[in-house]
């Protein structure tokens, strides 16, 4: 199978302290993995390393065919074009419409306006929000804002989506809707997804592989015995 992420004995050090030690895992094309662990266990550092925000200290790591140990600063924007990121706190520009928020992403990656407008319509329709282009984020519910964020993550047809606590600010019903949308994207686009979460009810309802960060180590969990 095609490997999207391959970490082999990777260390991540921040300010002289090791936050992840000797991490090894693989995420293949079309696979879905949960990432769990307590606050401060290294989940966010691991996720940031995947898109070049934290550099790996030792080991061998590839993401979307980029070798992270040899990644140059000029290559980071090109790596990030292959990764869709879904944040817990949305990170939408409040003074810009939904259309403008999405257009800024495509403009930065070199899309022509006509093609960009067509692509924006496609991703908004895919997440069920084709009718809200003119609205601003504060006019939308939390679930609608997260759907816009997912649409933004899809714009460049990435082979990988990193979802960092995407349901953390949502009620249970909306969390289920967002989860079903992510799984639909995973299934229909064959997009690899790594999702950090504390929501064990979602894991029970939608089982998949589980990686756990604990005591600076990354391990694969069997079943739901980590609760």
C-alpha atoms as a PDB file:
ATOM      1  CA  UNK A   1       0.000   0.000   0.000  1.00  0.00           C
ATOM      2  CA  UNK A   2       1.056   3.589  -0.616  1.00  0.00           C
ATOM      3  CA  UNK A   3       2.503   5.161   2.521  1.00  0.00           C
ATOM      4  CA  UNK A   4       1.357   8.713   3.312  1.00  0.00           C
ATOM      5  CA  UNK A   5       3.144   8.994   6.683  1.00  0.00           C
ATOM      6  CA  UNK A   6       6.121   6.886   7.680  1.00  0.00           C
ATOM      7  CA  UNK A   7       7.875   7.623  10.992  1.00  0.00           C
ATOM      8  CA  UNK A   8      10.803   5.410  11.943  1.00  0.00           C
ATOM      9  CA  UNK A   9      12.443   5.906  15.390  1.00  0.00           C
ATOM     10  CA  UNK A  10      11.647   9.628  15.385  1.00  0.00           C
ATOM     11  CA  UNK A  11      12.500  11.994  18.245  1.00  0.00           C
ATOM     12  CA  UNK A  12      10.942  15.443  18.589  1.00  0.00           C
ATOM     13  CA  UNK A  13      12.750  17.868  20.910  1.00  0.00           C
ATOM     14  CA  UNK A  14      11.454  21.322  21.839  1.00  0.00           C
ATOM     15  CA  UNK A  15      13.603  23.814  23.756  1.00  0.00           C
ATOM     16  CA  UNK A  16      15.993  21.046  24.697  1.00  0.00           C
ATOM     17  CA  UNK A  17      13.330  18.688  26.053  1.00  0.00           C
ATOM     18  CA  UNK A  18      12.199  15.494  24.359  1.00  0.00           C
ATOM     19  CA  UNK A  19       8.415  15.535  23.831  1.00  0.00           C
ATOM     20  CA  UNK A  20       8.257  12.427  21.614  1.00  0.00           C
ATOM     21  CA  UNK A  21      10.880   9.675  21.780  1.00  0.00           C
ATOM     22  CA  UNK A  22      11.536   6.831  19.342  1.00  0.00           C
ATOM     23  CA  UNK A  23       8.166   7.095  17.560  1.00  0.00           C
ATOM     24  CA  UNK A  24       7.454   4.671  14.727  1.00  0.00           C
ATOM     25  CA  UNK A  25       4.194   4.385  12.793  1.00  0.00           C
ATOM     26  CA  UNK A  26       2.819   4.287   9.278  1.00  0.00           C
ATOM     27  CA  UNK A  27      -0.382   5.758   7.852  1.00  0.00           C
ATOM     28  CA  UNK A  28      -1.297   4.393   4.433  1.00  0.00           C
ATOM     29  CA  UNK A  29      -3.394   5.952   1.696  1.00  0.00           C
ATOM     30  CA  UNK A  30      -7.089   5.857   2.581  1.00  0.00           C
ATOM     31  CA  UNK A  31      -6.471   4.844   6.209  1.00  0.00           C
ATOM     32  CA  UNK A  32      -8.062   6.455   9.285  1.00  0.00           C
ATOM     33  CA  UNK A  33      -6.208   6.650  12.616  1.00  0.00           C
ATOM     34  CA  UNK A  34      -7.149   8.189  15.964  1.00  0.00           C
ATOM     35  CA  UNK A  35      -4.469   9.890  18.063  1.00  0.00           C
ATOM     36  CA  UNK A  36      -5.243   9.972  21.795  1.00  0.00           C
ATOM     37  CA  UNK A  37      -3.468  11.061  24.946  1.00  0.00           C
ATOM     38  CA  UNK A  38      -3.688  13.502  27.827  1.00  0.00           C
ATOM     39  CA  UNK A  39      -3.042  17.215  27.438  1.00  0.00           C
ATOM     40  CA  UNK A  40       0.717  17.730  27.321  1.00  0.00           C
ATOM     41  CA  UNK A  41       1.420  14.185  26.179  1.00  0.00           C
ATOM     42  CA  UNK A  42       2.887  15.302  22.848  1.00  0.00           C
ATOM     43  CA  UNK A  43      -0.099  14.942  20.500  1.00  0.00           C
ATOM     44  CA  UNK A  44       0.035  18.507  19.220  1.00  0.00           C
ATOM     45  CA  UNK A  45       3.819  18.382  18.839  1.00  0.00           C
ATOM     46  CA  UNK A  46       3.518  15.201  16.801  1.00  0.00           C
ATOM     47  CA  UNK A  47       0.843  16.741  14.573  1.00  0.00           C
ATOM     48  CA  UNK A  48       2.878  19.927  14.104  1.00  0.00           C
ATOM     49  CA  UNK A  49       5.895  17.864  13.086  1.00  0.00           C
ATOM     50  CA  UNK A  50       3.838  16.324  10.286  1.00  0.00           C
ATOM     51  CA  UNK A  51       3.404  19.659   8.521  1.00  0.00           C
ATOM     52  CA  UNK A  52       6.822  21.109   9.317  1.00  0.00           C
ATOM     53  CA  UNK A  53       5.923  23.391  12.240  1.00  0.00           C
ATOM     54  CA  UNK A  54       8.200  21.337  14.522  1.00  0.00           C
ATOM     55  CA  UNK A  55      11.358  19.761  13.139  1.00  0.00           C
ATOM     56  CA  UNK A  56      12.211  16.175  13.955  1.00  0.00           C
ATOM     57  CA  UNK A  57      15.454  15.786  15.917  1.00  0.00           C
ATOM     58  CA  UNK A  58      16.481  12.251  14.964  1.00  0.00           C
ATOM     59  CA  UNK A  59      15.084   9.351  12.993  1.00  0.00           C
ATOM     60  CA  UNK A  60      13.607   9.063   9.524  1.00  0.00           C
ATOM     61  CA  UNK A  61      10.232  10.571   8.640  1.00  0.00           C
ATOM     62  CA  UNK A  62       8.383  11.023   5.364  1.00  0.00           C
ATOM     63  CA  UNK A  63       5.039  12.744   4.832  1.00  0.00           C
ATOM     64  CA  UNK A  64       3.454  12.861   1.373  1.00  0.00           C
ATOM     65  CA  UNK A  65       6.822  11.887  -0.135  1.00  0.00           C
ATOM     66  CA  UNK A  66       8.706  14.694   1.655  1.00  0.00           C
ATOM     67  CA  UNK A  67      11.677  13.682   3.804  1.00  0.00           C
ATOM     68  CA  UNK A  68      11.189  15.740   6.977  1.00  0.00           C
ATOM     69  CA  UNK A  69      14.771  15.347   8.179  1.00  0.00           C
ATOM     70  CA  UNK A  70      15.981  17.033   4.973  1.00  0.00           C
ATOM     71  CA  UNK A  71      13.069  19.450   4.555  1.00  0.00           C
ATOM     72  CA  UNK A  72      14.153  22.954   3.574  1.00  0.00           C
ATOM     73  CA  UNK A  73      12.197  25.995   4.724  1.00  0.00           C
ATOM     74  CA  UNK A  74      11.305  26.802   1.115  1.00  0.00           C
ATOM     75  CA  UNK A  75       9.717  23.356   0.720  1.00  0.00           C
ATOM     76  CA  UNK A  76       7.354  23.644   3.705  1.00  0.00           C
ATOM     77  CA  UNK A  77       4.588  25.513   1.797  1.00  0.00           C
ATOM     78  CA  UNK A  78       4.606  22.780  -0.867  1.00  0.00           C
ATOM     79  CA  UNK A  79       4.342  20.046   1.777  1.00  0.00           C
ATOM     80  CA  UNK A  80       1.393  21.882   3.352  1.00  0.00           C
ATOM     81  CA  UNK A  81      -0.442  22.005   0.030  1.00  0.00           C
ATOM     82  CA  UNK A  82      -0.653  18.212   0.278  1.00  0.00           C
ATOM     83  CA  UNK A  83      -2.134  18.349   3.778  1.00  0.00           C
ATOM     84  CA  UNK A  84      -5.565  19.559   4.823  1.00  0.00           C
ATOM     85  CA  UNK A  85      -5.696  20.747   8.445  1.00  0.00           C
ATOM     86  CA  UNK A  86      -8.870  20.865  10.538  1.00  0.00           C
ATOM     87  CA  UNK A  87      -8.478  22.864  13.750  1.00  0.00           C
ATOM     88  CA  UNK A  88     -10.574  22.678  16.919  1.00  0.00           C
ATOM     89  CA  UNK A  89     -10.921  26.477  17.063  1.00  0.00           C
ATOM     90  CA  UNK A  90     -11.715  26.840  13.334  1.00  0.00           C
ATOM     91  CA  UNK A  91      -9.151  29.622  12.619  1.00  0.00           C
ATOM     92  CA  UNK A  92     -11.424  31.371  10.141  1.00  0.00           C
ATOM     93  CA  UNK A  93     -10.946  35.098   9.491  1.00  0.00           C
ATOM     94  CA  UNK A  94     -13.973  36.745  11.162  1.00  0.00           C
ATOM     95  CA  UNK A  95     -13.954  39.859   8.963  1.00  0.00           C
ATOM     96  CA  UNK A  96     -14.021  37.799   5.750  1.00  0.00           C
ATOM     97  CA  UNK A  97     -16.934  35.910   4.204  1.00  0.00           C
ATOM     98  CA  UNK A  98     -16.831  32.148   3.789  1.00  0.00           C
ATOM     99  CA  UNK A  99     -16.074  32.693   0.086  1.00  0.00           C
ATOM    100  CA  UNK A 100     -13.205  35.048   0.916  1.00  0.00           C
ATOM    101  CA  UNK A 101     -11.773  32.686   3.553  1.00  0.00           C
ATOM    102  CA  UNK A 102     -11.608  29.882   1.002  1.00  0.00           C
ATOM    103  CA  UNK A 103     -10.459  32.098  -1.866  1.00  0.00           C
ATOM    104  CA  UNK A 104      -7.434  33.254   0.150  1.00  0.00           C
ATOM    105  CA  UNK A 105      -6.208  29.650   0.389  1.00  0.00           C
ATOM    106  CA  UNK A 106      -6.510  29.032  -3.338  1.00  0.00           C
ATOM    107  CA  UNK A 107      -5.036  32.411  -4.237  1.00  0.00           C
ATOM    108  CA  UNK A 108      -1.978  31.602  -2.109  1.00  0.00           C
ATOM    109  CA  UNK A 109      -1.516  28.314  -3.959  1.00  0.00           C
ATOM    110  CA  UNK A 110      -1.713  29.837  -7.435  1.00  0.00           C
ATOM    111  CA  UNK A 111      -5.274  29.092  -8.575  1.00  0.00           C
ATOM    112  CA  UNK A 112      -6.878  31.235 -11.286  1.00  0.00           C
ATOM    113  CA  UNK A 113     -10.048  32.987 -10.125  1.00  0.00           C
ATOM    114  CA  UNK A 114     -12.521  31.126 -12.356  1.00  0.00           C
ATOM    115  CA  UNK A 115     -11.149  27.703 -11.426  1.00  0.00           C
ATOM    116  CA  UNK A 116     -10.996  28.737  -7.755  1.00  0.00           C
ATOM    117  CA  UNK A 117     -14.658  29.787  -7.725  1.00  0.00           C
ATOM    118  CA  UNK A 118     -15.663  26.450  -9.227  1.00  0.00           C
ATOM    119  CA  UNK A 119     -13.567  24.546  -6.678  1.00  0.00           C
ATOM    120  CA  UNK A 120     -15.029  26.539  -3.772  1.00  0.00           C
ATOM    121  CA  UNK A 121     -18.544  25.676  -4.944  1.00  0.00           C
ATOM    122  CA  UNK A 122     -17.544  21.991  -5.138  1.00  0.00           C
ATOM    123  CA  UNK A 123     -16.152  21.737  -1.611  1.00  0.00           C
ATOM    124  CA  UNK A 124     -18.967  23.755  -0.024  1.00  0.00           C
ATOM    125  CA  UNK A 125     -21.561  21.574  -1.722  1.00  0.00           C
ATOM    126  CA  UNK A 126     -19.692  18.493  -0.535  1.00  0.00           C
ATOM    127  CA  UNK A 127     -19.995  19.588   3.109  1.00  0.00           C
ATOM    128  CA  UNK A 128     -23.613  20.671   2.630  1.00  0.00           C
ATOM    129  CA  UNK A 129     -23.017  24.432   2.789  1.00  0.00           C
ATOM    130  CA  UNK A 130     -23.336  25.604  -0.800  1.00  0.00           C
ATOM    131  CA  UNK A 131     -25.798  28.303   0.287  1.00  0.00           C
ATOM    132  CA  UNK A 132     -23.659  30.193   2.832  1.00  0.00           C
ATOM    133  CA  UNK A 133     -20.799  31.628   0.745  1.00  0.00           C
ATOM    134  CA  UNK A 134     -21.679  35.245   1.526  1.00  0.00           C
ATOM    135  CA  UNK A 135     -21.982  34.770   5.283  1.00  0.00           C
ATOM    136  CA  UNK A 136     -19.280  35.576   7.811  1.00  0.00           C
ATOM    137  CA  UNK A 137     -18.077  32.978  10.352  1.00  0.00           C
ATOM    138  CA  UNK A 138     -19.872  34.615  13.290  1.00  0.00           C
ATOM    139  CA  UNK A 139     -23.180  34.193  11.431  1.00  0.00           C
ATOM    140  CA  UNK A 140     -22.691  30.418  11.437  1.00  0.00           C
ATOM    141  CA  UNK A 141     -23.159  27.777  14.116  1.00  0.00           C
ATOM    142  CA  UNK A 142     -20.143  25.916  15.490  1.00  0.00           C
ATOM    143  CA  UNK A 143     -21.000  22.900  13.360  1.00  0.00           C
ATOM    144  CA  UNK A 144     -21.308  25.032  10.235  1.00  0.00           C
ATOM    145  CA  UNK A 145     -17.961  26.702  10.946  1.00  0.00           C
ATOM    146  CA  UNK A 146     -16.309  23.306  11.317  1.00  0.00           C
ATOM    147  CA  UNK A 147     -17.825  22.207   8.010  1.00  0.00           C
ATOM    148  CA  UNK A 148     -16.314  25.307   6.392  1.00  0.00           C
ATOM    149  CA  UNK A 149     -12.953  24.342   7.910  1.00  0.00           C
ATOM    150  CA  UNK A 150     -13.306  20.845   6.449  1.00  0.00           C
ATOM    151  CA  UNK A 151     -14.197  22.384   3.079  1.00  0.00           C
ATOM    152  CA  UNK A 152     -11.063  24.541   3.347  1.00  0.00           C
ATOM    153  CA  UNK A 153      -8.997  21.434   4.080  1.00  0.00           C
ATOM    154  CA  UNK A 154     -10.306  19.800   0.901  1.00  0.00           C
ATOM    155  CA  UNK A 155      -9.549  22.677  -1.471  1.00  0.00           C
ATOM    156  CA  UNK A 156      -6.269  21.328  -2.872  1.00  0.00           C
ATOM    157  CA  UNK A 157      -7.411  17.679  -2.987  1.00  0.00           C
ATOM    158  CA  UNK A 158      -4.888  16.620  -0.324  1.00  0.00           C
ATOM    159  CA  UNK A 159      -3.952  12.961   0.169  1.00  0.00           C
ATOM    160  CA  UNK A 160      -3.791  13.625   3.950  1.00  0.00           C
ATOM    161  CA  UNK A 161      -6.044  15.412   6.446  1.00  0.00           C
ATOM    162  CA  UNK A 162      -4.867  16.179   9.977  1.00  0.00           C
ATOM    163  CA  UNK A 163      -7.820  16.819  12.286  1.00  0.00           C
ATOM    164  CA  UNK A 164      -6.770  18.237  15.667  1.00  0.00           C
ATOM    165  CA  UNK A 165      -9.695  17.802  18.108  1.00  0.00           C
ATOM    166  CA  UNK A 166     -12.246  18.686  15.374  1.00  0.00           C
ATOM    167  CA  UNK A 167     -15.233  17.994  17.669  1.00  0.00           C
ATOM    168  CA  UNK A 168     -13.766  19.539  20.827  1.00  0.00           C
ATOM    169  CA  UNK A 169     -16.037  22.602  20.771  1.00  0.00           C
ATOM    170  CA  UNK A 170     -19.166  20.860  19.473  1.00  0.00           C
ATOM    171  CA  UNK A 171     -22.199  19.241  21.072  1.00  0.00           C
ATOM    172  CA  UNK A 172     -22.640  15.445  20.742  1.00  0.00           C
ATOM    173  CA  UNK A 173     -25.112  15.572  17.844  1.00  0.00           C
ATOM    174  CA  UNK A 174     -22.967  17.985  15.845  1.00  0.00           C
ATOM    175  CA  UNK A 175     -19.860  15.958  16.700  1.00  0.00           C
ATOM    176  CA  UNK A 176     -21.478  12.905  15.130  1.00  0.00           C
ATOM    177  CA  UNK A 177     -22.339  14.877  11.995  1.00  0.00           C
ATOM    178  CA  UNK A 178     -18.754  16.136  11.646  1.00  0.00           C
ATOM    179  CA  UNK A 179     -17.399  12.639  12.263  1.00  0.00           C
ATOM    180  CA  UNK A 180     -19.679  11.158   9.605  1.00  0.00           C
ATOM    181  CA  UNK A 181     -18.501  13.827   7.169  1.00  0.00           C
ATOM    182  CA  UNK A 182     -14.833  13.036   7.824  1.00  0.00           C
ATOM    183  CA  UNK A 183     -15.471   9.314   7.363  1.00  0.00           C
ATOM    184  CA  UNK A 184     -17.355  10.018   4.123  1.00  0.00           C
ATOM    185  CA  UNK A 185     -14.345  11.975   2.826  1.00  0.00           C
ATOM    186  CA  UNK A 186     -12.016   9.188   3.960  1.00  0.00           C
ATOM    187  CA  UNK A 187     -14.102   6.587   2.140  1.00  0.00           C
ATOM    188  CA  UNK A 188     -15.073   8.428  -1.041  1.00  0.00           C
ATOM    189  CA  UNK A 189     -11.791  10.264  -1.698  1.00  0.00           C
ATOM    190  CA  UNK A 190      -9.500   7.581  -0.273  1.00  0.00           C
ATOM    191  CA  UNK A 191      -8.002  10.367   1.852  1.00  0.00           C
ATOM    192  CA  UNK A 192      -5.787   9.364   4.772  1.00  0.00           C
ATOM    193  CA  UNK A 193      -6.934  10.983   8.035  1.00  0.00           C
ATOM    194  CA  UNK A 194      -5.161  11.279  11.368  1.00  0.00           C
ATOM    195  CA  UNK A 195      -7.541  12.631  14.013  1.00  0.00           C
ATOM    196  CA  UNK A 196      -6.512  13.691  17.508  1.00  0.00           C
ATOM    197  CA  UNK A 197      -9.413  13.404  19.942  1.00  0.00           C
ATOM    198  CA  UNK A 198     -10.487  13.044  23.563  1.00  0.00           C
ATOM    199  CA  UNK A 199     -13.962  11.913  22.516  1.00  0.00           C
ATOM    200  CA  UNK A 200     -13.970   8.218  23.416  1.00  0.00           C
ATOM    201  CA  UNK A 201     -17.673   7.895  22.577  1.00  0.00           C
ATOM    202  CA  UNK A 202     -16.841   8.698  18.955  1.00  0.00           C
ATOM    203  CA  UNK A 203     -14.060   6.115  18.980  1.00  0.00           C
ATOM    204  CA  UNK A 204     -16.474   3.493  20.294  1.00  0.00           C
ATOM    205  CA  UNK A 205     -19.078   4.407  17.695  1.00  0.00           C
ATOM    206  CA  UNK A 206     -16.646   4.662  14.754  1.00  0.00           C
ATOM    207  CA  UNK A 207     -13.776   2.250  15.533  1.00  0.00           C
ATOM    208  CA  UNK A 208     -10.400   2.541  13.786  1.00  0.00           C
ATOM    209  CA  UNK A 209      -6.709   2.186  14.602  1.00  0.00           C
ATOM    210  CA  UNK A 210      -5.636   4.040  17.746  1.00  0.00           C
ATOM    211  CA  UNK A 211      -2.260   5.619  18.489  1.00  0.00           C
ATOM    212  CA  UNK A 212      -1.618   6.861  22.029  1.00  0.00           C
ATOM    213  CA  UNK A 213       0.841   9.469  23.272  1.00  0.00           C
ATOM    214  CA  UNK A 214       1.908   8.838  26.876  1.00  0.00           C
ATOM    215  CA  UNK A 215       5.123   9.522  28.807  1.00  0.00           C
ATOM    216  CA  UNK A 216       6.821  10.819  25.643  1.00  0.00           C
ATOM    217  CA  UNK A 217       6.118   7.521  23.880  1.00  0.00           C
ATOM    218  CA  UNK A 218       3.844   6.679  20.948  1.00  0.00           C
ATOM    219  CA  UNK A 219       2.189   3.262  21.074  1.00  0.00           C
ATOM    220  CA  UNK A 220      -0.586   1.514  19.189  1.00  0.00           C
ATOM    221  CA  UNK A 221      -3.567   0.619  21.336  1.00  0.00           C
ATOM    222  CA  UNK A 222      -5.603  -2.554  20.996  1.00  0.00           C
ATOM    223  CA  UNK A 223      -9.293  -1.990  21.616  1.00  0.00           C
ATOM    224  CA  UNK A 224     -10.483   0.684  24.074  1.00  0.00           C
ATOM    225  CA  UNK A 225      -8.554  -0.356  27.166  1.00  0.00           C
ATOM    226  CA  UNK A 226      -6.854   3.052  27.418  1.00  0.00           C
ATOM    227  CA  UNK A 227      -9.866   4.779  29.007  1.00  0.00           C
END
